[in-house]
Amino acid sequence: MQLIKNKYYFGGVDLLEIAEKYGTPLYVYDTETISRQYKKLSQAFSGVDLKIKYACKALNNINIIKYLKSLGAGLDTVSIQEVEIGLKAGYKPSEILFTPNCVDYSEIVKAIDCGVTINIDNISILEQFGHDYGNKIDCCIRINPHIMAGGNSHISVGHIDSKFGISIYQLPLIDRIVKNNKIKVTGLHMHTGSDILDADVFLRGADLLFDAAKHFADLKYLDFGSGFKVAYKEGDITTDIGKIGKKITSNFNKFCKNYGKNLELWFEPGKFLVSESGVLLVKVNVVKQTLSTIFAGVNSGQNHLLRPKLYDAYHNILNISNTKGSKRIYSVVGYICETDTLGYDRKLNEVREGDILAILNAGAYGFTMSSNYNSRPRPAEVMIINGEAKLIRQSETLQDLLKHQIEVL
């Protein structure tokens, strides 16, 4: 985002003009930012046969999914519906990885029928898969390395109490199931969590995956998940992609030499690719001063951006309507009928009723986690591509909220 002559531009487009044209609340995504992040990751691992599988749970608008395909990305999916959206977006089945958790076995069968790559993270599912398919269908196995690497307990998924993956200490059991059922394991997967701060912790997990890989003779790829941290505010610590890239590339090539053949290296970035590409534009409904706080109450809330409520996540907020105003301290709150704070004690240019605020880093897990709480419609989405803002989702209406309800009284 750039401030030019007292106007904020995103992807080369004036954000106030976008807000005026499409209304608020409004999600806006910049494809140039996505492309920049994709190239950054590709360059960090340029010394290996790299495959990037976009984790579409972060932002699943079909236009964004298609755009990432145009950059060369594959797709990481966690539900059969995401698989079907990926196929509709033009991905080949071989480009889609299906990594479900706690789903009914029938959903895995549907994904197999679609021809996508299956990633198994449960002993009982591995046994059923082996019994039904043997060596007829290749599969990947998700290993839990028992490493606490994510930013908090909500988004760290590789620790000992996680519901994800098969424990690395169960490798002997995995071995027996694979051999007895003649399962062809062509990939191993590890994902420790999101917002990884310590690159060395991630690298320790990689070493564990290298050791586990020695148990499998038919591997074609190793999947290291993702979880790379992006900056949410000035001075934020981020994952050192360059350090991880050099270390993993070197260690991966050494492993491949010892393994006897070159494998593909997979990553599944979601937030890393799209977080900084998104802003949520909201309008200030009221400015309310109490004895201790000035509230800026906006026409959005946790129903549109849940992360501050769910994760205590920080999102930078800017007043894009009053770029020269004196700085004052505000708590930006939503219009949902409960404590609904988007940002505590933020120093903003003086906020007036009717001003437009931009909430940054809203590209990942913004719209995809939104809801109709308080019977509020979900907002529209706009994508900026080649310097042009295009509507990619209409805002919901009351009719949308009611269309699946059946009146019986």
Protein backbone atom coordinates (compact mmCIF):
# COMPACT_ATOMS: atom_id res chain seq x y z
CA MET A 1 0.00 0.00 0.00
CA GLN A 2 1.31 3.43 -0.94
CA LEU A 3 0.42 6.92 0.31
CA ILE A 4 0.66 9.29 -2.67
CA LYS A 5 -0.54 12.89 -2.43
CA ASN A 6 -2.64 12.10 0.64
CA LYS A 7 -4.37 9.13 -0.99
CA TYR A 8 -3.79 5.45 -0.30
CA TYR A 9 -3.22 3.29 -3.36
CA PHE A 10 -3.35 -0.50 -3.38
CA GLY A 11 -2.22 -2.33 -6.49
CA GLY A 12 -2.08 1.08 -8.18
CA VAL A 13 -5.76 1.84 -7.46
CA ASP A 14 -7.15 4.53 -5.12
CA LEU A 15 -8.79 2.68 -2.22
CA LEU A 16 -11.32 5.45 -1.58
CA GLU A 17 -12.48 5.20 -5.18
CA ILE A 18 -12.93 1.44 -4.78
CA ALA A 19 -14.93 1.98 -1.57
CA GLU A 20 -17.11 4.58 -3.28
CA LYS A 21 -17.76 2.34 -6.28
CA TYR A 22 -18.47 -0.94 -4.51
CA GLY A 23 -19.52 0.18 -1.03
CA THR A 24 -18.38 -1.09 2.35
CA PRO A 25 -17.62 -3.36 4.06
CA LEU A 26 -15.47 -4.66 1.23
CA TYR A 27 -12.58 -7.10 0.84
CA VAL A 28 -9.94 -5.99 -1.68
CA TYR A 29 -7.12 -8.25 -2.93
CA ASP A 30 -4.02 -7.21 -4.87
CA THR A 31 -2.66 -9.83 -7.27
CA GLU A 32 0.74 -8.11 -7.53
CA THR A 33 1.31 -8.82 -3.84
CA ILE A 34 0.40 -12.48 -4.32
CA SER A 35 2.81 -12.71 -7.26
CA ARG A 36 5.58 -11.07 -5.22
CA GLN A 37 5.17 -13.56 -2.38
CA TYR A 38 5.04 -16.50 -4.78
CA LYS A 39 8.30 -15.41 -6.42
CA LYS A 40 9.93 -14.83 -3.03
CA LEU A 41 9.22 -18.41 -1.99
CA SER A 42 10.21 -19.85 -5.37
CA GLN A 43 13.55 -18.02 -5.33
CA ALA A 44 14.33 -19.14 -1.76
CA PHE A 45 14.16 -22.78 -2.92
CA SER A 46 15.53 -22.38 -6.43
CA GLY A 47 18.07 -25.17 -5.92
CA VAL A 48 15.50 -27.99 -5.80
CA ASP A 49 12.58 -29.37 -7.80
CA LEU A 50 10.02 -27.21 -6.00
CA LYS A 51 6.22 -27.61 -6.09
CA ILE A 52 4.10 -24.97 -4.34
CA LYS A 53 0.61 -26.13 -3.37
CA TYR A 54 -1.55 -23.14 -2.42
CA ALA A 55 -3.52 -23.84 0.79
CA CYS A 56 -6.84 -22.54 -0.48
CA LYS A 57 -8.55 -22.59 2.93
CA ALA A 58 -6.83 -19.22 3.46
CA LEU A 59 -8.72 -17.52 0.62
CA ASN A 60 -10.92 -19.64 -1.60
CA ASN A 61 -12.50 -17.27 -4.12
CA ILE A 62 -12.24 -19.13 -7.41
CA ASN A 63 -10.62 -16.12 -9.10
CA ILE A 64 -7.77 -16.10 -6.58
CA ILE A 65 -7.37 -19.86 -7.03
CA LYS A 66 -7.22 -19.41 -10.81
CA TYR A 67 -4.70 -16.60 -10.47
CA LEU A 68 -2.37 -18.77 -8.38
CA LYS A 69 -2.69 -21.50 -11.00
CA SER A 70 -1.50 -18.96 -13.60
CA LEU A 71 1.63 -18.44 -11.46
CA GLY A 72 2.35 -22.18 -11.50
CA ALA A 73 0.91 -23.23 -8.13
CA GLY A 74 -0.79 -26.48 -7.36
CA LEU A 75 -3.51 -26.71 -4.71
CA ASP A 76 -3.68 -27.95 -1.13
CA THR A 77 -7.24 -28.82 -0.08
CA VAL A 78 -8.80 -29.98 3.18
CA SER A 79 -12.36 -30.79 2.11
CA ILE A 80 -14.02 -32.49 -0.83
CA GLN A 81 -15.68 -29.16 -1.61
CA GLU A 82 -12.26 -27.50 -1.97
CA VAL A 83 -11.22 -30.36 -4.24
CA GLU A 84 -14.27 -29.75 -6.43
CA ILE A 85 -13.64 -25.99 -6.55
CA GLY A 86 -10.04 -26.68 -7.56
CA LEU A 87 -11.16 -28.95 -10.40
CA LYS A 88 -13.69 -26.34 -11.50
CA ALA A 89 -10.90 -23.74 -11.47
CA GLY A 90 -9.00 -25.83 -14.02
CA TYR A 91 -6.45 -27.69 -11.89
CA LYS A 92 -5.55 -31.18 -13.02
CA PRO A 93 -6.29 -33.87 -10.39
CA SER A 94 -2.54 -34.54 -10.19
CA GLU A 95 -2.00 -30.91 -9.13
CA ILE A 96 -4.30 -31.18 -6.11
CA LEU A 97 -3.33 -32.54 -2.70
CA PHE A 98 -6.17 -33.60 -0.38
CA THR A 99 -5.22 -33.40 3.32
CA PRO A 100 -8.38 -33.99 5.35
CA ASN A 101 -8.64 -34.36 9.10
CA CYS A 102 -11.34 -36.26 11.00
CA VAL A 103 -13.51 -36.67 7.90
CA ASP A 104 -15.68 -39.66 7.14
CA TYR A 105 -13.90 -42.28 5.05
CA SER A 106 -16.50 -41.82 2.30
CA GLU A 107 -15.12 -38.32 1.68
CA ILE A 108 -11.67 -39.78 1.09
CA VAL A 109 -13.17 -42.27 -1.35
CA LYS A 110 -14.79 -39.38 -3.25
CA ALA A 111 -11.42 -37.63 -3.46
CA ILE A 112 -9.78 -40.83 -4.72
CA ASP A 113 -12.49 -41.08 -7.38
CA CYS A 114 -11.60 -37.50 -8.40
CA GLY A 115 -8.01 -38.65 -8.97
CA VAL A 116 -6.30 -36.23 -6.56
CA THR A 117 -3.35 -37.04 -4.31
CA ILE A 118 -4.46 -38.39 -0.92
CA ASN A 119 -2.64 -37.39 2.26
CA ILE A 120 -3.47 -39.71 5.19
CA ASP A 121 -3.05 -38.59 8.81
CA ASN A 122 -4.73 -41.38 10.75
CA ILE A 123 -3.74 -45.01 11.42
CA SER A 124 -7.28 -46.35 11.06
CA ILE A 125 -7.76 -44.53 7.74
CA LEU A 126 -4.39 -45.85 6.53
CA GLU A 127 -5.55 -49.40 7.34
CA GLN A 128 -8.88 -48.93 5.52
CA PHE A 129 -7.10 -47.36 2.56
CA GLY A 130 -4.62 -50.22 2.40
CA HIS A 131 -7.35 -52.85 2.62
CA ASP A 132 -9.41 -51.22 -0.17
CA TYR A 133 -6.69 -50.06 -2.56
CA GLY A 134 -3.43 -51.83 -1.74
CA ASN A 135 -0.84 -50.64 -4.25
CA LYS A 136 -3.41 -49.51 -6.84
CA ILE A 137 -3.52 -45.90 -5.57
CA ASP A 138 -0.49 -43.92 -4.42
CA CYS A 139 -0.74 -42.01 -1.17
CA CYS A 140 1.06 -39.57 1.08
CA ILE A 141 1.34 -39.95 4.86
CA ARG A 142 1.23 -36.99 7.24
CA ILE A 143 3.70 -37.31 10.09
CA ASN A 144 3.32 -35.45 13.39
CA PRO A 145 6.88 -34.49 14.40
CA HIS A 146 5.87 -33.47 17.97
CA ILE A 147 7.32 -30.00 17.58
CA MET A 148 5.73 -26.80 18.92
CA ALA A 149 6.43 -24.35 16.12
CA GLY A 150 3.33 -22.23 15.56
CA GLY A 151 2.63 -18.78 16.94
CA ASN A 152 0.07 -19.99 19.50
CA SER A 153 -1.87 -23.09 20.50
CA HIS A 154 -4.65 -22.36 18.00
CA ILE A 155 -2.37 -22.50 14.96
CA SER A 156 0.40 -24.84 16.10
CA VAL A 157 -0.50 -28.28 14.78
CA GLY A 158 2.65 -30.41 15.06
CA HIS A 159 2.84 -30.77 18.85
CA ILE A 160 2.20 -33.92 20.88
CA ASP A 161 -1.44 -33.11 21.71
CA SER A 162 -2.38 -32.16 18.14
CA LYS A 163 -5.19 -33.96 16.33
CA PHE A 164 -3.18 -33.75 13.09
CA GLY A 165 -0.87 -36.37 11.66
CA ILE A 166 0.40 -39.77 12.73
CA SER A 167 2.97 -39.68 15.51
CA ILE A 168 6.54 -40.05 14.35
CA TYR A 169 6.88 -42.59 17.18
CA GLN A 170 4.35 -44.80 15.37
CA LEU A 171 6.65 -45.34 12.38
CA PRO A 172 7.06 -49.07 13.22
CA LEU A 173 3.26 -49.47 13.13
CA ILE A 174 3.02 -47.50 9.88
CA ASP A 175 5.72 -49.78 8.48
CA ARG A 176 3.74 -52.91 9.29
CA ILE A 177 0.49 -51.55 7.84
CA VAL A 178 2.22 -50.40 4.64
CA LYS A 179 4.05 -53.69 4.12
CA ASN A 180 1.10 -55.95 4.95
CA ASN A 181 -1.21 -54.06 2.60
CA LYS A 182 1.45 -53.37 -0.04
CA ILE A 183 0.59 -49.64 0.10
CA LYS A 184 2.60 -47.49 -2.28
CA VAL A 185 3.67 -44.44 -0.25
CA THR A 186 4.99 -41.82 -2.67
CA GLY A 187 5.07 -38.83 -0.30
CA LEU A 188 5.65 -37.85 3.32
CA HIS A 189 4.15 -34.71 4.80
CA MET A 190 4.85 -32.55 7.85
CA HIS A 191 3.15 -29.33 8.99
CA THR A 192 4.12 -27.85 12.33
CA GLY A 193 1.79 -24.86 12.34
CA SER A 194 1.42 -21.23 11.32
CA ASP A 195 3.39 -18.12 12.31
CA ILE A 196 6.70 -19.96 12.68
CA LEU A 197 9.16 -17.58 14.36
CA ASP A 198 12.13 -19.87 14.92
CA ALA A 199 13.59 -21.14 11.66
CA ASP A 200 15.74 -23.64 13.56
CA VAL A 201 12.65 -25.33 15.01
CA PHE A 202 11.27 -25.76 11.50
CA LEU A 203 14.61 -27.16 10.34
CA ARG A 204 14.62 -29.67 13.20
CA GLY A 205 11.26 -30.93 11.97
CA ALA A 206 12.72 -31.26 8.49
CA ASP A 207 15.52 -33.45 9.83
CA LEU A 208 12.93 -35.70 11.47
CA LEU A 209 11.13 -36.02 8.15
CA PHE A 210 14.39 -36.94 6.40
CA ASP A 211 14.94 -39.71 8.95
CA ALA A 212 11.36 -40.97 8.55
CA ALA A 213 11.73 -40.99 4.76
CA LYS A 214 14.39 -43.68 4.98
CA HIS A 215 11.61 -46.15 5.81
CA PHE A 216 9.93 -45.72 2.40
CA ALA A 217 11.44 -46.89 -0.89
CA ASP A 218 9.00 -45.39 -3.42
CA LEU A 219 8.96 -41.72 -2.45
CA LYS A 220 8.52 -39.08 -5.15
CA TYR A 221 8.26 -36.00 -2.90
CA LEU A 222 8.58 -34.65 0.62
CA ASP A 223 6.04 -32.06 1.76
CA PHE A 224 7.19 -29.62 4.44
CA GLY A 225 3.85 -27.85 4.87
CA SER A 226 4.29 -24.13 5.48
CA GLY A 227 3.45 -21.75 8.31
CA PHE A 228 5.86 -18.96 7.40
CA LYS A 229 5.13 -15.82 9.39
CA VAL A 230 4.31 -12.53 7.71
CA ALA A 231 4.53 -9.08 9.30
CA TYR A 232 1.35 -7.67 10.81
CA LYS A 233 2.87 -4.47 12.14
CA GLU A 234 6.03 -2.42 11.84
CA GLY A 235 9.00 -4.19 13.40
CA ASP A 236 7.31 -7.60 13.43
CA ILE A 237 9.59 -10.63 13.41
CA THR A 238 9.03 -12.74 10.32
CA THR A 239 10.22 -16.17 9.24
CA ASP A 240 13.64 -15.95 7.64
CA ILE A 241 12.72 -17.55 4.31
CA GLY A 242 16.23 -17.05 2.99
CA LYS A 243 17.79 -18.96 5.89
CA ILE A 244 15.24 -21.77 5.66
CA GLY A 245 15.65 -21.90 1.88
CA LYS A 246 19.43 -22.30 2.00
CA LYS A 247 19.38 -24.85 4.82
CA ILE A 248 16.50 -26.96 3.49
CA THR A 249 17.89 -26.91 -0.06
CA SER A 250 21.30 -28.06 1.12
CA ASN A 251 19.93 -30.74 3.46
CA PHE A 252 17.32 -31.89 0.95
CA ASN A 253 19.88 -32.37 -1.81
CA LYS A 254 22.11 -34.32 0.58
CA PHE A 255 19.16 -36.51 1.52
CA CYS A 256 18.27 -37.16 -2.13
CA LYS A 257 21.84 -38.20 -2.85
CA ASN A 258 21.78 -40.68 0.01
CA TYR A 259 18.26 -41.81 -0.90
CA GLY A 260 19.42 -42.64 -4.42
CA LYS A 261 17.17 -40.39 -6.50
CA ASN A 262 16.01 -36.79 -6.75
CA LEU A 263 12.65 -36.06 -5.13
CA GLU A 264 10.32 -33.09 -5.43
CA LEU A 265 10.12 -30.66 -2.51
CA TRP A 266 6.58 -29.49 -1.74
CA PHE A 267 5.29 -26.57 0.33
CA GLU A 268 1.69 -25.58 1.10
CA PRO A 269 1.68 -21.84 1.79
CA GLY A 270 -1.63 -20.11 2.39
CA LYS A 271 -1.24 -17.08 4.64
CA PHE A 272 2.27 -16.39 3.30
CA LEU A 273 0.89 -15.95 -0.22
CA VAL A 274 -2.32 -14.01 0.40
CA SER A 275 -2.32 -12.34 3.83
CA GLU A 276 -0.64 -9.10 2.77
CA SER A 277 -2.62 -9.06 -0.48
CA GLY A 278 -5.90 -8.27 1.27
CA VAL A 279 -7.47 -5.25 2.99
CA LEU A 280 -10.91 -4.94 4.53
CA LEU A 281 -12.47 -1.53 3.95
CA VAL A 282 -15.03 -0.42 6.54
CA LYS A 283 -17.00 2.77 7.18
CA VAL A 284 -17.11 4.51 10.55
CA ASN A 285 -20.72 4.54 11.75
CA VAL A 286 -20.17 6.30 15.06
CA VAL A 287 -17.46 7.92 17.13
CA LYS A 288 -18.33 7.38 20.79
CA GLN A 289 -16.38 8.75 23.74
CA THR A 290 -16.69 7.22 27.21
CA LEU A 291 -14.86 8.23 30.39
CA SER A 292 -11.76 6.31 29.34
CA THR A 293 -12.02 5.34 25.66
CA ILE A 294 -12.86 6.77 22.26
CA PHE A 295 -14.56 4.10 20.16
CA ALA A 296 -14.66 4.15 16.38
CA GLY A 297 -17.64 1.92 15.61
CA VAL A 298 -17.60 0.52 12.08
CA ASN A 299 -20.01 -1.26 9.74
CA SER A 300 -18.26 -4.61 10.13
CA GLY A 301 -16.98 -6.81 12.92
CA GLN A 302 -16.06 -10.32 13.96
CA ASN A 303 -18.64 -11.64 11.51
CA HIS A 304 -16.38 -10.47 8.68
CA LEU A 305 -12.94 -10.65 10.32
CA LEU A 306 -12.82 -13.23 13.10
CA ARG A 307 -9.05 -13.39 13.66
CA PRO A 308 -8.80 -10.59 16.28
CA LYS A 309 -11.53 -12.26 18.35
CA LEU A 310 -10.44 -15.87 17.80
CA TYR A 311 -6.65 -15.57 17.88
CA ASP A 312 -6.16 -12.17 19.51
CA ALA A 313 -4.56 -11.35 16.16
CA TYR A 314 -3.20 -7.90 15.40
CA HIS A 315 -4.23 -6.16 12.18
CA ASN A 316 -2.88 -2.71 11.38
CA ILE A 317 -5.63 -0.14 10.78
CA LEU A 318 -5.40 3.10 8.79
CA ASN A 319 -7.79 6.01 8.37
CA ILE A 320 -7.58 6.46 4.62
CA SER A 321 -10.12 9.31 4.57
CA ASN A 322 -8.18 11.74 6.75
CA THR A 323 -4.49 11.27 6.04
CA LYS A 324 -3.51 14.69 7.48
CA GLY A 325 -5.60 14.54 10.64
CA SER A 326 -4.05 14.81 14.09
CA LYS A 327 -3.25 11.48 15.74
CA ARG A 328 -5.62 10.29 18.46
CA ILE A 329 -6.09 6.99 20.29
CA TYR A 330 -9.13 4.88 19.33
CA SER A 331 -10.46 1.41 19.90
CA VAL A 332 -11.95 0.22 16.62
CA VAL A 333 -15.02 -1.88 17.31
CA GLY A 334 -17.63 -3.65 15.24
CA TYR A 335 -21.41 -3.62 15.12
CA ILE A 336 -21.90 -7.14 16.45
CA CYS A 337 -23.92 -7.44 19.65
CA GLU A 338 -21.13 -8.59 21.97
CA THR A 339 -17.56 -7.47 22.68
CA ASP A 340 -16.35 -7.06 19.14
CA THR A 341 -13.00 -5.30 19.00
CA LEU A 342 -10.96 -5.17 15.80
CA GLY A 343 -8.15 -3.11 17.31
CA TYR A 344 -7.41 -1.81 20.83
CA ASP A 345 -5.86 1.60 21.50
CA ARG A 346 -4.80 2.41 17.96
CA LYS A 347 -3.16 5.71 17.09
CA LEU A 348 -5.11 6.87 14.03
CA ASN A 349 -5.48 10.14 12.16
CA GLU A 350 -8.56 11.78 13.67
CA VAL A 351 -11.55 9.61 12.91
CA ARG A 352 -14.84 11.18 11.86
CA GLU A 353 -18.18 9.54 11.27
CA GLY A 354 -18.29 8.46 7.63
CA ASP A 355 -14.54 7.96 7.31
CA ILE A 356 -13.21 4.82 5.61
CA LEU A 357 -10.77 2.67 7.56
CA ALA A 358 -8.52 0.06 5.96
CA ILE A 359 -7.78 -3.08 7.98
CA LEU A 360 -4.57 -4.62 6.64
CA ASN A 361 -3.37 -8.23 6.28
CA ALA A 362 -6.95 -9.34 5.71
CA GLY A 363 -6.27 -11.61 2.74
CA ALA A 364 -5.86 -14.83 4.73
CA TYR A 365 -8.66 -16.28 6.86
CA GLY A 366 -10.76 -13.16 6.51
CA PHE A 367 -13.61 -13.89 4.16
CA THR A 368 -13.20 -17.67 4.46
CA MET A 369 -13.92 -17.50 8.21
CA SER A 370 -16.73 -14.94 7.90
CA SER A 371 -20.30 -15.68 8.96
CA ASN A 372 -23.83 -14.35 9.06
CA TYR A 373 -23.80 -13.81 12.82
CA ASN A 374 -26.48 -11.28 13.88
CA SER A 375 -28.08 -11.96 10.48
CA ARG A 376 -25.52 -9.71 8.84
CA PRO A 377 -24.70 -10.34 5.16
CA ARG A 378 -21.13 -11.11 4.14
CA PRO A 379 -19.31 -8.43 2.13
CA ALA A 380 -18.35 -8.21 -1.50
CA GLU A 381 -14.86 -9.05 -2.77
CA VAL A 382 -12.78 -7.15 -5.31
CA MET A 383 -9.57 -8.28 -7.01
CA ILE A 384 -7.04 -5.80 -8.42
CA ILE A 385 -5.35 -7.24 -11.49
CA ASN A 386 -3.24 -5.30 -13.98
CA GLY A 387 -4.13 -2.07 -12.19
CA GLU A 388 -7.88 -2.63 -12.52
CA ALA A 389 -10.34 -3.38 -9.71
CA LYS A 390 -12.78 -6.16 -10.61
CA LEU A 391 -15.74 -7.39 -8.58
CA ILE A 392 -15.29 -11.12 -7.88
CA ARG A 393 -18.10 -11.65 -5.36
CA GLN A 394 -21.28 -9.70 -4.82
CA SER A 395 -22.26 -8.70 -1.29
CA GLU A 396 -24.99 -10.85 0.20
CA THR A 397 -28.58 -9.71 0.61
CA LEU A 398 -31.34 -10.60 3.05
CA GLN A 399 -32.70 -12.91 0.36
CA ASP A 400 -29.42 -14.83 0.38
CA LEU A 401 -29.72 -15.30 4.13
CA LEU A 402 -33.26 -16.65 3.86
CA LYS A 403 -33.12 -18.71 0.67
CA HIS A 404 -32.29 -22.03 2.37
CA GLN A 405 -34.72 -21.61 5.24
CA ILE A 406 -38.01 -23.49 5.05
CA GLU A 407 -41.00 -21.81 6.66
CA VAL A 408 -43.30 -24.35 8.30
CA LEU A 409 -45.43 -21.96 10.37
